[in-house]
Protein backbone atom coordinates (compact mmCIF):
# COMPACT_ATOMS: atom_id res chain seq x y z
CA MET A 1 95.90 81.40 103.51
CA GLY A 2 93.02 83.68 104.11
CA PHE A 3 91.05 86.06 101.98
CA LEU A 4 93.03 89.35 102.94
CA ARG A 5 96.62 87.67 102.38
CA ASN A 6 95.25 86.22 99.11
CA LEU A 7 94.17 89.63 97.93
CA LEU A 8 97.46 91.05 98.77
CA HIS A 9 99.22 88.47 96.79
CA GLY A 10 96.91 88.89 93.99
CA THR A 11 97.55 92.86 93.92
CA ALA A 12 101.29 92.16 93.91
CA ALA A 13 101.04 89.54 90.97
CA LEU A 14 98.94 92.28 89.12
CA PHE A 15 101.33 95.12 89.68
CA THR A 16 104.07 92.94 88.59
CA LEU A 17 102.61 92.15 85.56
CA LEU A 18 101.72 95.82 84.80
CA MET A 19 104.90 97.12 86.09
CA PRO A 20 106.62 97.06 82.45
CA PHE A 21 103.98 99.47 81.44
CA ALA A 22 104.93 101.99 84.08
CA THR A 23 107.24 103.94 82.16
CA GLY A 24 107.00 107.60 81.02
CA PRO A 25 106.68 110.77 83.42
CA SER A 26 103.69 112.06 81.61
CA TYR A 27 100.52 112.58 83.89
CA SER A 28 97.19 112.99 82.35
CA ASP A 29 93.56 112.19 83.17
CA SER A 30 93.42 109.10 81.12
CA TRP A 31 94.83 105.53 82.07
CA ASN A 32 98.29 106.82 81.78
CA LEU A 33 97.95 108.44 85.21
CA PHE A 34 97.38 104.93 86.61
CA PHE A 35 100.62 103.60 84.74
CA SER A 36 102.78 106.42 85.34
CA GLY A 37 101.60 107.70 88.65
CA ILE A 38 99.58 105.21 90.81
CA LEU A 39 101.24 102.02 90.05
CA PRO A 40 104.88 103.20 90.68
CA ALA A 41 103.79 104.88 93.93
CA THR A 42 101.88 102.04 95.39
CA ALA A 43 104.01 99.15 94.38
CA PRO A 44 106.53 99.99 97.20
CA ILE A 45 103.80 100.36 99.71
CA ILE A 46 102.40 97.05 98.70
CA VAL A 47 106.04 95.59 99.31
CA ILE A 48 106.26 97.25 102.84
CA VAL A 49 102.83 95.64 103.69
CA ILE A 50 104.04 92.33 102.54
CA GLY A 51 107.24 92.65 104.84
CA LEU A 52 105.08 93.77 107.75
CA ASP A 53 102.97 90.75 107.57
CA THR A 54 105.92 88.61 107.18
CA MET A 55 107.41 89.76 110.13
CA MET A 56 103.98 89.44 112.23
CA SER A 57 103.64 85.94 110.85
CA SER A 58 107.13 85.12 111.85
CA ILE A 59 106.24 86.43 115.50
CA TRP A 60 103.03 84.30 115.60
CA ARG A 61 105.05 81.36 114.16
CA SER A 62 107.59 81.77 116.99
CA ASP A 63 104.79 81.89 119.72
CA SER A 64 102.99 78.83 118.50
CA ASP A 65 103.10 75.22 119.73
CA ASP A 66 100.99 73.64 117.26
CA GLU A 67 102.94 72.02 114.36
CA GLU A 68 100.28 72.54 111.79
CA ARG A 69 100.12 76.07 112.62
CA ILE A 70 103.79 76.64 112.29
CA LEU A 71 103.71 74.65 108.96
CA GLN A 72 100.93 77.03 107.79
CA LEU A 73 102.79 80.28 108.74
CA THR A 74 106.01 79.02 107.21
CA ARG A 75 104.03 78.58 103.84
CA VAL A 76 102.51 82.07 104.29
CA ILE A 77 105.94 83.59 104.90
CA ARG A 78 107.56 81.76 101.99
CA ALA A 79 104.73 83.06 99.69
CA HIS A 80 104.93 86.57 100.94
CA GLN A 81 108.93 86.29 100.25
CA PHE A 82 108.12 85.09 96.80
CA PHE A 83 105.29 87.83 95.83
CA GLY A 84 107.16 90.52 97.62
CA GLY A 85 110.65 89.80 96.01
CA VAL A 86 109.15 89.54 92.48
CA LEU A 87 107.09 92.74 92.87
CA LEU A 88 110.41 94.60 94.31
CA PHE A 89 112.55 93.24 91.58
CA ALA A 90 109.99 94.18 88.79
CA TRP A 91 109.83 97.82 90.48
CA LEU A 92 113.65 97.99 90.49
CA ALA A 93 113.96 96.98 86.92
CA VAL A 94 111.67 99.76 85.65
CA PHE A 95 112.66 102.47 87.91
CA LEU A 96 116.33 101.84 88.78
CA PRO A 97 117.66 103.06 85.63
CA ILE A 98 115.41 106.28 85.88
CA LEU A 99 116.39 106.84 89.54
CA LEU A 100 120.24 106.46 88.57
């Protein structure tokens, strides 16, 4: 799938696993800053980047005539939808009660 896409999926999976620890609005100079500041701010950005790459993969898939390339891009799109959806739902599960 490519190094950058795998890195993006790995980051999304790691953020999904760490998202339950992202509660509490207290900021400090320790690891709590990562969990209460950086993690909640960057998770939606990663979802947006996954969405943009999904859009570009769809464009490349529609332009391709090679069946193997179309199959590869279809797998990329499905992986993006899975990792992006799981991260979005994990973020919403933690922060939707706070936002409402």
